[in-house]
Protein backbone atom coordinates (compact mmCIF):
# COMPACT_ATOMS: atom_id res chain seq x y z
CA MET A 1 -20.27 14.31 -6.61
CA ALA A 2 -16.66 13.00 -7.18
CA LYS A 3 -16.09 9.28 -7.09
CA GLN A 4 -13.17 7.83 -4.99
CA GLN A 5 -10.79 5.87 -7.18
CA ALA A 6 -9.31 2.67 -5.78
CA VAL A 7 -5.76 2.08 -6.83
CA GLY A 8 -4.22 -1.36 -6.55
CA LEU A 9 -2.75 -4.43 -8.15
CA GLN A 10 -4.60 -7.73 -8.69
CA VAL A 11 -2.75 -10.96 -9.14
CA ASP A 12 -4.56 -13.55 -11.16
CA GLY A 13 -4.09 -17.15 -10.15
CA LEU A 14 -2.98 -16.39 -6.55
CA LYS A 15 -5.53 -18.73 -5.08
CA ASP A 16 -4.33 -21.58 -7.36
CA VAL A 17 -0.75 -20.92 -6.20
CA GLN A 18 -1.83 -20.98 -2.59
CA LYS A 19 -3.81 -24.22 -3.17
CA ALA A 20 -0.80 -25.91 -4.82
CA LEU A 21 1.53 -24.79 -2.09
CA ARG A 22 -0.90 -26.03 0.59
CA THR A 23 -1.01 -29.52 -0.99
CA VAL A 24 2.89 -29.68 -0.59
CA ASP A 25 3.04 -28.22 2.95
CA LYS A 26 0.48 -26.47 5.01
CA ALA A 27 2.89 -23.80 6.11
CA LEU A 28 3.98 -22.73 2.61
CA PRO A 29 1.14 -20.25 1.84
CA ARG A 30 2.44 -18.28 4.87
CA GLU A 31 5.60 -17.79 2.72
CA LEU A 32 3.43 -15.68 0.30
CA ARG A 33 3.14 -13.11 3.19
CA LYS A 34 6.84 -12.33 2.82
CA ALA A 35 6.44 -11.75 -0.88
CA ASN A 36 3.41 -9.51 -0.24
CA LEU A 37 5.32 -7.60 2.49
CA ALA A 38 8.28 -7.00 0.19
CA ALA A 39 5.89 -5.69 -2.53
CA ALA A 40 4.21 -3.36 -0.01
CA GLU A 41 7.44 -2.03 1.27
CA ILE A 42 8.55 -0.88 -2.16
CA VAL A 43 5.36 1.25 -2.33
CA ALA A 44 5.82 2.41 1.29
CA VAL A 45 9.31 3.71 0.65
CA GLU A 46 8.02 5.70 -2.30
CA ALA A 47 5.00 6.98 -0.34
CA ARG A 48 7.34 8.20 2.37
CA ARG A 49 9.39 10.07 -0.18
CA LEU A 50 6.31 11.68 -1.70
CA ALA A 51 4.50 12.45 1.58
CA PRO A 52 4.14 16.12 2.58
CA ARG A 53 6.65 16.93 5.30
CA GLN A 54 6.03 19.36 8.10
CA SER A 55 6.82 17.66 11.36
CA GLY A 56 7.83 14.31 9.75
CA ARG A 57 5.12 12.33 11.70
CA LEU A 58 3.08 11.57 8.67
CA GLN A 59 6.14 10.03 6.92
CA LYS A 60 7.08 8.01 9.97
CA SER A 61 3.50 6.62 10.15
CA ILE A 62 3.62 5.02 6.74
CA LYS A 63 3.94 1.24 7.24
CA ALA A 64 3.74 -1.75 4.92
CA GLN A 65 1.32 -4.48 5.94
CA ALA A 66 0.76 -7.98 4.43
CA GLY A 67 -1.25 -11.16 4.81
CA GLN A 68 -1.27 -14.29 2.73
CA ARG A 69 -3.66 -12.83 0.23
CA GLU A 70 -3.13 -9.11 0.21
CA ALA A 71 -0.67 -6.33 0.89
CA SER A 72 -1.32 -2.79 1.95
CA VAL A 73 0.33 0.45 3.08
CA LYS A 74 -1.08 1.95 6.16
CA ILE A 75 -0.85 5.69 6.54
CA GLY A 76 -1.37 7.42 9.89
CA THR A 77 -3.01 6.51 13.05
CA PRO A 78 -5.96 8.29 14.73
CA ALA A 79 -4.01 9.00 17.89
CA ARG A 80 -0.69 10.24 16.40
CA THR A 81 -1.64 11.59 12.99
CA PRO A 82 -5.35 12.41 12.88
CA TYR A 83 -4.62 14.69 9.89
CA ALA A 84 -3.50 11.85 7.59
CA GLY A 85 -6.88 11.55 5.80
CA PRO A 86 -7.26 15.28 5.18
CA ALA A 87 -3.61 15.39 4.07
CA ILE A 88 -4.33 12.88 1.35
CA TRP A 89 -7.98 13.63 0.38
CA GLY A 90 -8.08 17.30 1.10
CA TRP A 91 -10.10 19.45 3.46
CA GLY A 92 -12.86 21.97 2.82
CA SER A 93 -13.14 23.76 -0.49
CA LYS A 94 -11.91 27.03 -2.02
CA ARG A 95 -15.34 28.58 -1.85
CA ASN A 96 -16.30 27.36 1.59
CA PRO A 97 -13.19 26.59 3.74
CA ARG A 98 -13.80 24.87 7.00
CA PRO A 99 -13.15 27.15 10.04
CA GLN A 100 -10.59 24.83 11.51
CA GLY A 101 -7.37 24.83 9.46
CA GLY A 102 -8.91 26.31 6.29
CA TRP A 103 -8.78 24.74 2.85
CA GLN A 104 -6.27 22.07 2.00
CA PRO A 105 -5.96 20.70 -1.48
CA ARG A 106 -5.77 16.90 -2.23
CA ASN A 107 -2.39 15.28 -2.37
CA LEU A 108 -2.82 11.71 -3.59
CA PHE A 109 0.78 10.70 -2.77
CA PRO A 110 -0.16 7.02 -1.98
CA GLN A 111 -1.69 6.54 -5.43
CA LYS A 112 1.25 8.32 -7.05
CA ALA A 113 3.67 6.08 -5.18
CA LEU A 114 1.84 2.96 -6.46
CA ALA A 115 1.79 4.37 -9.99
CA ASN A 116 5.49 5.15 -9.87
CA LYS A 117 6.44 1.73 -8.55
CA HIS A 118 3.87 -0.44 -10.39
CA LYS A 119 6.30 -2.25 -12.63
CA GLN A 120 8.86 -2.75 -9.90
CA VAL A 121 6.27 -4.18 -7.58
CA SER A 122 4.95 -6.50 -10.27
CA LYS A 123 8.41 -7.78 -11.13
CA ALA A 124 9.46 -8.27 -7.47
CA TYR A 125 6.20 -10.07 -6.67
CA GLU A 126 6.43 -12.34 -9.70
CA LYS A 127 10.10 -13.14 -8.96
CA ALA A 128 9.27 -14.06 -5.34
CA VAL A 129 6.31 -16.28 -6.30
CA LYS A 130 8.31 -18.07 -8.97
CA ALA A 131 11.19 -18.69 -6.56
CA LEU A 132 8.76 -20.03 -3.93
CA THR A 133 7.03 -22.33 -6.43
CA LYS A 134 10.32 -23.51 -7.95
CA ARG A 135 11.81 -24.23 -4.54
CA ASN A 136 8.75 -26.15 -3.30
CA LEU A 137 6.99 -27.66 -6.28
């Protein structure tokens, strides 16, 4: 059985930065959300570029999300794009295709988007956190 691979970036020392910002002003850790959103938007733009295009709904459904501690790229909604999961992870197999829609190979465009923009995301996030700490500490 194949294992699913998680792709992501981990920032070491983020909790320490949040704690230091909180000691200065309780609202400052919320500023990290803007840095997280900017980093997620870089990946979302690349994912839209790499996404398969038939009707364009899948590309339009790709959104950047962020909190104080994490950022993510949301792809698809159950109501508007129920095929988002199969479009990424595949559907059926060559030997035994499912009766509805047949076989569809995997297209790991979100992982490719993060891999393509990894350095740019790291630099943008580092720059934003340095600017925030320099401005407030």
